[in-house]
Amino acid sequence: MNQDFNKPNQKENRGEVRTLVDKFYSLEFSIKALAHVFQFRIWNISEKGMCIIVREDSTVLEHIKVGDTFKMKYYPADLLGPAEYLETEVRHITKDNHGRFKGHNLLGLLILGKQSVDENSA
């Protein structure tokens, strides 16, 4: 199912039209310096990237920056398919001061490619 997120009276700053892709619902990843796994629902999915919403006081923001890459585990929207490990780059971190997610940061992500579950095999 594709859904156009562009609204007639709203300026779109992206180079491509945003469409909804139903493949993934959520993702998780860990940061070496922290002891637990972070899980996020995926928002604003486009053909080339996606966005997660992170509270502005989250410790995640102290440990990531634009350009960082992580092996993230993506969970399918249908809940029946297997999770996929995908190398993902942080493309932008944007504070939402006035919008729907006030008090949060939007982290734009770009999937770079598929990763094997066990990186030591092959």
N, C-alpha and C. Protein backbone atom coordinates (compact mmCIF):
# COMPACT_ATOMS: atom_id res chain seq x y z
N MET A 1 0.84 -1.18 0.00
CA MET A 1 0.00 0.00 0.00
C MET A 1 0.88 1.24 0.00
N ASN A 2 0.68 2.13 -0.90
CA ASN A 2 1.43 3.38 -0.95
C ASN A 2 0.51 4.52 -0.54
N GLN A 3 1.05 5.45 0.20
CA GLN A 3 0.29 6.61 0.64
C GLN A 3 1.16 7.82 0.44
N ASP A 4 0.64 8.85 -0.20
CA ASP A 4 1.38 10.08 -0.43
C ASP A 4 1.24 10.95 0.81
N PHE A 5 2.37 11.35 1.40
CA PHE A 5 2.36 12.17 2.60
C PHE A 5 2.40 13.66 2.28
N ASN A 6 2.59 14.02 1.02
CA ASN A 6 2.61 15.43 0.66
C ASN A 6 1.21 16.01 0.77
N LYS A 7 1.12 17.18 1.36
CA LYS A 7 -0.17 17.86 1.50
C LYS A 7 -0.14 19.08 0.59
N PRO A 8 -1.28 19.44 -0.01
CA PRO A 8 -1.30 20.53 -0.97
C PRO A 8 -0.73 21.84 -0.47
N ASN A 9 -0.95 22.20 0.79
CA ASN A 9 -0.50 23.48 1.31
C ASN A 9 0.76 23.38 2.16
N GLN A 10 1.44 22.24 2.11
CA GLN A 10 2.63 22.05 2.93
C GLN A 10 3.84 21.86 2.02
N LYS A 11 4.89 22.66 2.25
CA LYS A 11 6.10 22.55 1.45
C LYS A 11 6.85 21.29 1.83
N GLU A 12 7.27 20.50 0.86
CA GLU A 12 8.05 19.28 1.07
C GLU A 12 9.51 19.59 0.77
N ASN A 13 10.41 19.33 1.72
CA ASN A 13 11.82 19.64 1.56
C ASN A 13 12.63 18.49 0.98
N ARG A 14 12.06 17.32 0.83
CA ARG A 14 12.79 16.18 0.33
C ARG A 14 12.84 16.19 -1.19
N GLY A 15 13.85 15.52 -1.74
CA GLY A 15 14.01 15.44 -3.19
C GLY A 15 13.07 14.47 -3.84
N GLU A 16 12.51 13.52 -3.09
CA GLU A 16 11.60 12.55 -3.66
C GLU A 16 10.26 12.60 -2.93
N VAL A 17 9.21 12.15 -3.59
CA VAL A 17 7.90 12.08 -2.96
C VAL A 17 7.95 10.96 -1.93
N ARG A 18 7.42 11.23 -0.74
CA ARG A 18 7.43 10.23 0.31
C ARG A 18 6.27 9.27 0.13
N THR A 19 6.54 7.99 0.25
CA THR A 19 5.50 6.97 0.16
C THR A 19 5.62 6.05 1.36
N LEU A 20 4.52 5.44 1.75
CA LEU A 20 4.51 4.51 2.87
C LEU A 20 4.86 3.13 2.37
N VAL A 21 5.86 2.53 2.96
CA VAL A 21 6.27 1.18 2.62
C VAL A 21 5.96 0.32 3.84
N ASP A 22 5.21 -0.75 3.64
CA ASP A 22 4.73 -1.54 4.76
C ASP A 22 5.64 -2.67 5.20
N LYS A 23 6.86 -2.71 4.76
CA LYS A 23 7.72 -3.86 5.06
C LYS A 23 8.09 -3.98 6.53
N PHE A 24 8.49 -2.90 7.19
CA PHE A 24 8.95 -2.97 8.58
C PHE A 24 8.08 -2.12 9.49
N TYR A 25 7.94 -2.58 10.74
CA TYR A 25 7.15 -1.87 11.73
C TYR A 25 8.04 -1.19 12.78
N SER A 26 9.07 -1.93 13.22
CA SER A 26 9.93 -1.40 14.27
C SER A 26 11.36 -1.89 14.07
N LEU A 27 12.26 -1.31 14.85
CA LEU A 27 13.66 -1.72 14.78
C LEU A 27 14.26 -1.67 16.17
N GLU A 28 15.37 -2.37 16.32
CA GLU A 28 16.12 -2.29 17.58
C GLU A 28 17.61 -2.30 17.28
N PHE A 29 18.35 -1.69 18.18
CA PHE A 29 19.79 -1.68 18.08
C PHE A 29 20.38 -1.42 19.45
N SER A 30 21.65 -1.73 19.58
CA SER A 30 22.33 -1.47 20.84
C SER A 30 23.52 -0.56 20.58
N ILE A 31 23.93 0.11 21.62
CA ILE A 31 25.10 0.97 21.58
C ILE A 31 26.11 0.38 22.55
N LYS A 32 27.33 0.15 22.08
CA LYS A 32 28.34 -0.55 22.88
C LYS A 32 28.52 0.05 24.27
N ALA A 33 28.46 1.36 24.40
CA ALA A 33 28.70 2.01 25.69
C ALA A 33 27.53 1.86 26.67
N LEU A 34 26.39 1.41 26.18
CA LEU A 34 25.20 1.28 27.02
C LEU A 34 24.83 -0.19 27.18
N ALA A 35 24.19 -0.53 28.26
CA ALA A 35 23.96 -1.93 28.61
C ALA A 35 22.70 -2.56 28.04
N HIS A 36 21.85 -1.82 27.38
CA HIS A 36 20.62 -2.44 26.91
C HIS A 36 20.31 -2.14 25.45
N VAL A 37 19.30 -2.81 24.94
CA VAL A 37 18.87 -2.68 23.55
C VAL A 37 17.75 -1.64 23.50
N PHE A 38 17.80 -0.78 22.47
CA PHE A 38 16.76 0.23 22.27
C PHE A 38 15.85 -0.23 21.15
N GLN A 39 14.55 -0.09 21.34
CA GLN A 39 13.59 -0.47 20.31
C GLN A 39 12.71 0.73 20.01
N PHE A 40 12.46 0.95 18.70
CA PHE A 40 11.68 2.10 18.25
C PHE A 40 10.70 1.69 17.16
N ARG A 41 9.57 2.33 17.15
CA ARG A 41 8.63 2.19 16.04
C ARG A 41 9.15 3.06 14.89
N ILE A 42 8.96 2.59 13.68
CA ILE A 42 9.42 3.33 12.50
C ILE A 42 8.31 4.28 12.05
N TRP A 43 8.69 5.51 11.74
CA TRP A 43 7.76 6.56 11.29
C TRP A 43 8.23 7.12 9.95
N ASN A 44 7.34 7.79 9.24
CA ASN A 44 7.67 8.56 8.04
C ASN A 44 8.56 7.80 7.06
N ILE A 45 8.14 6.65 6.68
CA ILE A 45 8.95 5.83 5.79
C ILE A 45 8.89 6.39 4.37
N SER A 46 10.05 6.47 3.73
CA SER A 46 10.12 6.91 2.34
C SER A 46 10.84 5.85 1.53
N GLU A 47 10.97 6.07 0.24
CA GLU A 47 11.64 5.12 -0.64
C GLU A 47 13.08 4.86 -0.22
N LYS A 48 13.76 5.86 0.34
CA LYS A 48 15.19 5.72 0.64
C LYS A 48 15.54 5.76 2.12
N GLY A 49 14.59 6.01 2.97
CA GLY A 49 14.92 6.12 4.37
C GLY A 49 13.71 6.06 5.26
N MET A 50 13.92 6.32 6.52
CA MET A 50 12.84 6.29 7.49
C MET A 50 13.24 7.14 8.68
N CYS A 51 12.33 7.23 9.64
CA CYS A 51 12.56 8.09 10.78
C CYS A 51 12.12 7.36 12.04
N ILE A 52 12.87 7.55 13.12
CA ILE A 52 12.42 7.11 14.43
C ILE A 52 12.34 8.34 15.33
N ILE A 53 11.52 8.24 16.36
CA ILE A 53 11.30 9.36 17.27
C ILE A 53 11.98 9.03 18.59
N VAL A 54 12.85 9.94 19.06
CA VAL A 54 13.61 9.72 20.29
C VAL A 54 13.37 10.91 21.22
N ARG A 55 12.99 10.63 22.45
CA ARG A 55 12.79 11.72 23.43
C ARG A 55 14.07 12.53 23.57
N GLU A 56 13.92 13.83 23.74
CA GLU A 56 15.10 14.71 23.80
C GLU A 56 15.99 14.44 25.01
N ASP A 57 15.49 13.76 26.03
CA ASP A 57 16.31 13.45 27.20
C ASP A 57 16.83 12.00 27.18
N SER A 58 16.68 11.31 26.08
CA SER A 58 17.13 9.93 25.96
C SER A 58 18.66 9.84 25.92
N THR A 59 19.21 8.83 26.59
CA THR A 59 20.66 8.62 26.57
C THR A 59 21.15 8.22 25.18
N VAL A 60 20.25 7.75 24.32
CA VAL A 60 20.64 7.40 22.95
C VAL A 60 21.31 8.60 22.27
N LEU A 61 20.75 9.78 22.47
CA LEU A 61 21.25 10.98 21.79
C LEU A 61 22.66 11.38 22.23
N GLU A 62 23.09 10.92 23.39
CA GLU A 62 24.44 11.22 23.87
C GLU A 62 25.48 10.34 23.18
N HIS A 63 25.05 9.29 22.51
CA HIS A 63 25.97 8.30 21.96
C HIS A 63 25.91 8.12 20.45
N ILE A 64 25.12 8.94 19.78
CA ILE A 64 25.06 8.83 18.31
C ILE A 64 25.21 10.20 17.69
N LYS A 65 25.65 10.20 16.43
CA LYS A 65 25.75 11.44 15.67
C LYS A 65 25.47 11.14 14.20
N VAL A 66 25.21 12.17 13.45
CA VAL A 66 24.97 12.03 12.01
C VAL A 66 26.19 11.36 11.38
N GLY A 67 25.94 10.37 10.54
CA GLY A 67 27.01 9.64 9.87
C GLY A 67 27.35 8.31 10.53
N ASP A 68 26.94 8.12 11.79
CA ASP A 68 27.18 6.84 12.46
C ASP A 68 26.40 5.74 11.76
N THR A 69 26.95 4.53 11.76
CA THR A 69 26.24 3.38 11.21
C THR A 69 26.10 2.32 12.30
N PHE A 70 24.99 1.61 12.24
CA PHE A 70 24.67 0.58 13.21
C PHE A 70 24.07 -0.62 12.48
N LYS A 71 24.30 -1.80 13.03
CA LYS A 71 23.59 -2.98 12.56
C LYS A 71 22.28 -2.99 13.34
N MET A 72 21.18 -2.74 12.65
CA MET A 72 19.88 -2.67 13.31
C MET A 72 19.04 -3.88 12.93
N LYS A 73 18.26 -4.32 13.87
CA LYS A 73 17.37 -5.46 13.66
C LYS A 73 15.98 -4.92 13.36
N TYR A 74 15.49 -5.20 12.15
CA TYR A 74 14.19 -4.70 11.69
C TYR A 74 13.14 -5.79 11.81
N TYR A 75 12.00 -5.44 12.40
CA TYR A 75 10.90 -6.37 12.56
C TYR A 75 9.83 -6.08 11.51
N PRO A 76 9.34 -7.13 10.84
CA PRO A 76 8.38 -6.93 9.75
C PRO A 76 7.02 -6.47 10.26
N ALA A 77 6.31 -5.75 9.41
CA ALA A 77 4.99 -5.24 9.75
C ALA A 77 3.98 -6.36 9.92
N ASP A 78 4.15 -7.46 9.19
CA ASP A 78 3.16 -8.55 9.27
C ASP A 78 3.36 -9.46 10.47
N LEU A 79 4.41 -9.27 11.23
CA LEU A 79 4.73 -10.02 12.45
C LEU A 79 4.99 -11.50 12.22
N LEU A 80 4.79 -12.01 11.03
CA LEU A 80 5.01 -13.42 10.75
C LEU A 80 6.36 -13.69 10.09
N GLY A 81 6.89 -12.71 9.42
CA GLY A 81 8.16 -12.87 8.73
C GLY A 81 9.33 -12.76 9.70
N PRO A 82 10.50 -13.18 9.25
CA PRO A 82 11.69 -13.09 10.11
C PRO A 82 12.20 -11.66 10.20
N ALA A 83 12.85 -11.35 11.31
CA ALA A 83 13.52 -10.06 11.45
C ALA A 83 14.73 -10.04 10.53
N GLU A 84 15.12 -8.84 10.10
CA GLU A 84 16.29 -8.69 9.23
C GLU A 84 17.29 -7.76 9.88
N TYR A 85 18.56 -8.12 9.75
CA TYR A 85 19.65 -7.26 10.22
C TYR A 85 20.14 -6.42 9.05
N LEU A 86 20.05 -5.10 9.19
CA LEU A 86 20.41 -4.20 8.11
C LEU A 86 21.36 -3.12 8.62
N GLU A 87 22.44 -2.91 7.89
CA GLU A 87 23.37 -1.83 8.21
C GLU A 87 22.65 -0.52 7.90
N THR A 88 22.62 0.39 8.87
CA THR A 88 21.81 1.60 8.77
C THR A 88 22.63 2.81 9.19
N GLU A 89 22.51 3.88 8.44
CA GLU A 89 23.23 5.12 8.73
C GLU A 89 22.28 6.17 9.29
N VAL A 90 22.76 6.92 10.29
CA VAL A 90 22.01 8.07 10.82
C VAL A 90 22.24 9.22 9.86
N ARG A 91 21.18 9.68 9.20
CA ARG A 91 21.29 10.73 8.18
C ARG A 91 21.05 12.13 8.74
N HIS A 92 20.16 12.23 9.70
CA HIS A 92 19.93 13.53 10.34
C HIS A 92 19.33 13.32 11.72
N ILE A 93 19.56 14.31 12.57
CA ILE A 93 18.94 14.36 13.90
C ILE A 93 18.31 15.73 13.99
N THR A 94 16.99 15.76 14.01
CA THR A 94 16.26 17.02 13.94
C THR A 94 15.35 17.16 15.15
N LYS A 95 15.54 18.23 15.91
CA LYS A 95 14.69 18.50 17.07
C LYS A 95 13.34 19.03 16.60
N ASP A 96 12.27 18.48 17.17
CA ASP A 96 10.92 18.93 16.83
C ASP A 96 10.45 19.85 17.96
N ASN A 97 10.57 21.16 17.75
CA ASN A 97 10.20 22.13 18.78
C ASN A 97 8.72 22.48 18.81
N HIS A 98 8.04 22.34 17.69
CA HIS A 98 6.67 22.85 17.62
C HIS A 98 5.67 21.87 17.03
N GLY A 99 6.10 20.77 16.51
CA GLY A 99 5.21 19.88 15.80
C GLY A 99 4.58 18.81 16.66
N ARG A 100 4.15 17.77 15.99
CA ARG A 100 3.47 16.65 16.62
C ARG A 100 4.33 15.97 17.68
N PHE A 101 5.65 15.97 17.48
CA PHE A 101 6.56 15.29 18.38
C PHE A 101 7.39 16.27 19.21
N LYS A 102 6.75 17.33 19.68
CA LYS A 102 7.43 18.32 20.51
C LYS A 102 8.10 17.61 21.69
N GLY A 103 9.37 17.99 21.97
CA GLY A 103 10.11 17.37 23.05
C GLY A 103 10.86 16.11 22.63
N HIS A 104 10.86 15.88 21.32
CA HIS A 104 11.53 14.70 20.77
C HIS A 104 12.46 15.12 19.63
N ASN A 105 13.31 14.19 19.24
CA ASN A 105 14.15 14.36 18.07
C ASN A 105 13.75 13.33 17.03
N LEU A 106 13.75 13.73 15.78
CA LEU A 106 13.50 12.83 14.67
C LEU A 106 14.85 12.39 14.13
N LEU A 107 15.09 11.10 14.12
CA LEU A 107 16.34 10.56 13.59
C LEU A 107 16.06 9.96 12.23
N GLY A 108 16.59 10.59 11.20
CA GLY A 108 16.45 10.07 9.85
C GLY A 108 17.47 8.97 9.62
N LEU A 109 17.00 7.84 9.10
CA LEU A 109 17.85 6.67 8.89
C LEU A 109 17.84 6.26 7.43
N LEU A 110 18.96 5.71 6.99
CA LEU A 110 19.08 5.20 5.63
C LEU A 110 19.64 3.79 5.70
N ILE A 111 18.91 2.83 5.15
CA ILE A 111 19.39 1.45 5.12
C ILE A 111 20.47 1.36 4.05
N LEU A 112 21.65 0.88 4.46
CA LEU A 112 22.78 0.76 3.55
C LEU A 112 22.87 -0.63 2.93
N GLY A 113 22.46 -1.65 3.67
CA GLY A 113 22.52 -3.00 3.13
C GLY A 113 22.25 -4.05 4.17
N LYS A 114 22.10 -5.27 3.69
CA LYS A 114 21.80 -6.40 4.54
C LYS A 114 23.05 -6.91 5.25
N GLN A 115 22.90 -7.37 6.46
CA GLN A 115 23.99 -7.94 7.26
C GLN A 115 23.61 -9.36 7.65
N SER A 116 24.59 -10.22 7.74
CA SER A 116 24.31 -11.57 8.23
C SER A 116 24.10 -11.52 9.72
N VAL A 117 23.36 -12.47 10.26
CA VAL A 117 23.09 -12.52 11.69
C VAL A 117 24.38 -12.76 12.45
N ASP A 118 25.23 -13.66 11.95
CA ASP A 118 26.51 -13.95 12.56
C ASP A 118 27.61 -13.41 11.66
N GLU A 119 28.18 -12.25 12.02
CA GLU A 119 29.18 -11.61 11.17
C GLU A 119 30.48 -12.38 11.11
N ASN A 120 30.70 -13.35 11.99
CA ASN A 120 31.93 -14.14 11.97
C ASN A 120 31.87 -15.31 11.03
N SER A 121 30.67 -15.63 10.52
CA SER A 121 30.55 -16.74 9.57
C SER A 121 30.80 -16.25 8.16
N ALA A 122 31.08 -17.16 7.25
CA ALA A 122 31.26 -16.89 5.82
C ALA A 122 32.62 -17.17 5.45
